[in-house]
Amino acid sequence: MRIFLTVLIIIFSLQSWIKADDIRDFEIEGISIGDSLLDYFSKKKIDQEQFFEAEQGDNKEVARFYIREKKGNYDWITMSYKTSDKSYTIIELSGFIFISFNECLKKRDEINNQVENLFKESRQQVTGTIEHFLDKDSFVDHIAYWTSKNSNDYVSLTCYDWSKKSGYGDQLRIEAYSDEYHKWLSSL
């Protein structure tokens, strides 16, 4: 009986250890990848406020839903979903904090200490400050955690130092991308 109990304990402890690196364990204001937007907003509100980024062109396969008001720790929150999905399953989740680039780096490193503990078994990628791929006068400093060995699920903590011509303010983005969202984004 003792051996049986020991085996059960080991199995259950390994399961929670494995799940610790699951992107669905990551939350922004209580919302996670895999949740339904319908758990938080009405279908009518989602449909009325769905947003398509200019970079998508005519591709309307994925829509974004913005909360453009202070919500907890974030100035804005975005959630993306496939427009063909009647469940409105969240496949991308981002929190924005509008902050100067230098302050962003400090705050990002504080947040990273917590995220590092959540994704101990994940592959970490650190870029340092590099040019933004769309705006050569803007810069990003990026830390990402690839949360699954067999997919492109990841969580990133990125500071943006936007150029004046971009029209954007500097910001910290905490983002969670599902493999499905990452593949779609890469196809654009």
Protein backbone atom coordinates (compact mmCIF):
# COMPACT_ATOMS: atom_id res chain seq x y z
CA MET A 1 0.00 0.00 0.00
CA ARG A 2 2.85 2.39 0.83
CA ILE A 3 4.44 1.78 -2.56
CA PHE A 4 1.11 2.46 -4.28
CA LEU A 5 0.69 5.76 -2.39
CA THR A 6 4.27 6.76 -3.14
CA VAL A 7 3.75 6.10 -6.86
CA LEU A 8 0.53 8.17 -6.82
CA ILE A 9 2.26 11.07 -5.09
CA ILE A 10 5.12 11.00 -7.63
CA ILE A 11 2.68 10.91 -10.57
CA PHE A 12 0.65 13.85 -9.27
CA SER A 13 3.69 15.92 -8.38
CA LEU A 14 5.16 15.36 -11.86
CA GLN A 15 1.89 16.42 -13.46
CA SER A 16 1.87 19.76 -11.64
CA TRP A 17 5.55 20.23 -12.44
CA ILE A 18 4.87 19.68 -16.15
CA LYS A 19 1.90 22.04 -16.12
CA ALA A 20 3.99 24.81 -14.59
CA ASP A 21 5.35 25.53 -18.06
CA ASP A 22 1.97 25.56 -19.79
CA ILE A 23 1.08 28.90 -21.38
CA ARG A 24 -2.45 28.59 -19.98
CA ASP A 25 -0.98 28.98 -16.49
CA PHE A 26 0.02 32.54 -17.34
CA GLU A 27 -2.60 35.19 -16.53
CA ILE A 28 -3.10 38.87 -17.18
CA GLU A 29 -5.70 40.27 -14.77
CA GLY A 30 -7.18 36.78 -14.33
CA ILE A 31 -7.46 36.07 -18.08
CA SER A 32 -5.50 33.26 -19.80
CA ILE A 33 -4.84 31.82 -23.24
CA GLY A 34 -7.56 29.24 -23.91
CA ASP A 35 -10.27 31.14 -22.01
CA SER A 36 -13.34 32.27 -23.90
CA LEU A 37 -13.86 36.01 -24.37
CA LEU A 38 -17.53 35.20 -23.72
CA ASP A 39 -16.60 34.55 -20.07
CA TYR A 40 -15.77 38.25 -19.75
CA PHE A 41 -17.79 40.15 -22.39
CA SER A 42 -21.03 39.78 -24.32
CA LYS A 43 -20.97 38.47 -27.89
CA LYS A 44 -22.53 41.75 -29.01
CA LYS A 45 -19.76 43.84 -27.39
CA ILE A 46 -17.02 41.60 -28.83
CA ASP A 47 -18.48 41.72 -32.35
CA GLN A 48 -19.00 45.48 -32.21
CA GLU A 49 -15.51 46.21 -30.94
CA GLN A 50 -13.43 43.64 -32.82
CA PHE A 51 -10.38 45.26 -34.36
CA PHE A 52 -8.10 44.35 -37.25
CA GLU A 53 -4.55 45.68 -37.30
CA ALA A 54 -3.41 47.55 -40.44
CA GLU A 55 -0.57 45.02 -40.89
CA GLN A 56 -3.19 42.29 -41.48
CA GLY A 57 -4.32 43.83 -44.77
CA ASP A 58 -7.32 41.86 -46.02
CA ASN A 59 -6.63 38.90 -43.70
CA LYS A 60 -9.58 38.88 -41.26
CA GLU A 61 -8.89 35.39 -39.89
CA VAL A 62 -7.93 36.78 -36.47
CA ALA A 63 -9.47 39.76 -34.68
CA ARG A 64 -8.34 41.69 -31.61
CA PHE A 65 -10.42 42.95 -28.77
CA TYR A 66 -9.03 45.91 -26.83
CA ILE A 67 -9.70 47.11 -23.31
CA ARG A 68 -8.42 50.67 -23.68
CA GLU A 69 -8.78 51.67 -20.06
CA LYS A 70 -6.73 51.13 -16.94
CA LYS A 71 -7.40 47.58 -15.72
CA GLY A 72 -5.46 46.53 -12.63
CA ASN A 73 -1.75 46.81 -13.44
CA TYR A 74 -2.25 47.55 -17.14
CA ASP A 75 -3.15 50.65 -19.14
CA TRP A 76 -4.56 48.50 -21.99
CA ILE A 77 -5.23 44.82 -22.52
CA THR A 78 -5.70 43.06 -25.86
CA MET A 79 -7.03 39.62 -26.64
CA SER A 80 -7.06 37.96 -30.06
CA TYR A 81 -9.34 35.20 -31.34
CA LYS A 82 -10.06 33.44 -34.62
CA THR A 83 -13.09 35.02 -36.27
CA SER A 84 -14.36 31.56 -37.29
CA ASP A 85 -14.34 30.35 -33.65
CA LYS A 86 -17.85 30.55 -32.19
CA SER A 87 -16.36 30.05 -28.70
CA TYR A 88 -14.15 33.15 -29.06
CA THR A 89 -11.18 31.27 -27.60
CA ILE A 90 -8.33 33.61 -26.67
CA ILE A 91 -5.19 32.76 -28.67
CA GLU A 92 -3.19 35.92 -27.83
CA LEU A 93 -3.22 38.04 -24.70
CA SER A 94 -1.26 41.24 -24.07
CA GLY A 95 -1.02 43.80 -21.30
CA PHE A 96 0.35 47.28 -22.07
CA ILE A 97 1.96 49.65 -19.57
CA PHE A 98 2.83 53.07 -21.00
CA ILE A 99 6.18 53.96 -19.48
CA SER A 100 9.50 55.49 -20.59
CA PHE A 101 12.00 53.05 -22.08
CA ASN A 102 14.50 53.33 -19.19
CA GLU A 103 11.78 52.87 -16.56
CA CYS A 104 10.40 50.01 -18.65
CA LEU A 105 13.66 48.09 -18.47
CA LYS A 106 13.65 48.32 -14.64
CA LYS A 107 9.99 47.29 -14.32
CA ARG A 108 10.39 44.51 -16.89
CA ASP A 109 13.30 43.05 -14.92
CA GLU A 110 11.18 43.05 -11.73
CA ILE A 111 8.36 41.25 -13.55
CA ASN A 112 10.85 38.88 -15.14
CA ASN A 113 11.90 37.62 -11.70
CA GLN A 114 8.32 36.37 -11.18
CA VAL A 115 7.88 35.02 -14.71
CA GLU A 116 11.21 33.17 -14.53
CA ASN A 117 9.87 31.21 -11.56
CA LEU A 118 6.69 30.29 -13.44
CA PHE A 119 8.55 29.02 -16.52
CA LYS A 120 11.64 27.37 -15.03
CA GLU A 121 11.65 24.57 -17.60
CA SER A 122 11.11 26.87 -20.59
CA ARG A 123 13.69 28.01 -23.08
CA GLN A 124 14.51 31.67 -22.48
CA GLN A 125 15.47 34.11 -25.23
CA VAL A 126 17.00 37.52 -24.43
CA THR A 127 17.67 39.93 -27.29
CA GLY A 128 19.03 43.01 -25.59
CA THR A 129 18.16 46.33 -27.27
CA ILE A 130 17.70 45.85 -31.04
CA GLU A 131 16.05 47.70 -33.95
CA HIS A 132 12.31 47.19 -34.36
CA PHE A 133 11.72 45.13 -37.51
CA LEU A 134 9.10 47.56 -38.90
CA ASP A 135 10.57 50.88 -37.79
CA LYS A 136 14.36 51.20 -37.99
CA ASP A 137 14.25 54.30 -35.76
CA SER A 138 12.50 52.40 -32.94
CA PHE A 139 14.00 49.81 -30.60
CA VAL A 140 12.86 46.83 -28.55
CA ASP A 141 14.40 44.94 -25.66
CA HIS A 142 12.87 41.51 -25.42
CA ILE A 143 12.81 38.55 -23.02
CA ALA A 144 10.76 35.54 -24.16
CA TYR A 145 9.93 32.17 -22.66
CA TRP A 146 9.11 29.41 -25.15
CA THR A 147 6.82 27.38 -22.91
CA SER A 148 6.56 24.18 -24.91
CA LYS A 149 9.24 22.11 -26.56
CA ASN A 150 6.94 21.08 -29.42
CA SER A 151 5.17 24.32 -30.27
CA ASN A 152 5.57 28.07 -30.52
CA ASP A 153 3.67 29.01 -27.35
CA TYR A 154 5.52 31.82 -25.67
CA VAL A 155 5.34 34.60 -23.12
CA SER A 156 7.31 37.76 -23.76
CA LEU A 157 8.24 40.82 -21.75
CA THR A 158 9.18 43.57 -24.19
CA CYS A 159 10.13 47.19 -23.79
CA TYR A 160 9.44 49.44 -26.79
CA ASP A 161 11.39 52.63 -27.45
CA TRP A 162 9.25 54.07 -30.24
CA SER A 163 10.49 56.80 -32.57
CA LYS A 164 8.59 60.09 -32.67
CA LYS A 165 7.52 59.41 -36.28
CA SER A 166 5.86 56.11 -35.27
CA GLY A 167 3.23 58.01 -33.31
CA TYR A 168 3.36 55.46 -30.46
CA GLY A 169 4.38 56.05 -26.86
CA ASP A 170 7.08 53.96 -25.18
CA GLN A 171 5.65 50.93 -23.46
CA LEU A 172 6.12 47.63 -21.72
CA ARG A 173 4.15 44.77 -23.22
CA ILE A 174 3.56 41.51 -21.42
CA GLU A 175 2.37 39.09 -24.12
CA ALA A 176 1.25 35.48 -24.29
CA TYR A 177 1.06 33.92 -27.77
CA SER A 178 -0.38 30.48 -28.42
CA ASP A 179 1.21 28.33 -31.09
CA GLU A 180 -1.91 28.91 -33.21
CA TYR A 181 -1.56 32.71 -33.00
CA HIS A 182 2.20 32.58 -33.63
CA LYS A 183 1.68 30.50 -36.81
CA TRP A 184 -1.00 32.89 -38.05
CA LEU A 185 1.17 35.93 -37.32
CA SER A 186 4.13 34.35 -39.09
CA SER A 187 1.95 33.78 -42.17
CA LEU A 188 1.26 37.49 -42.65
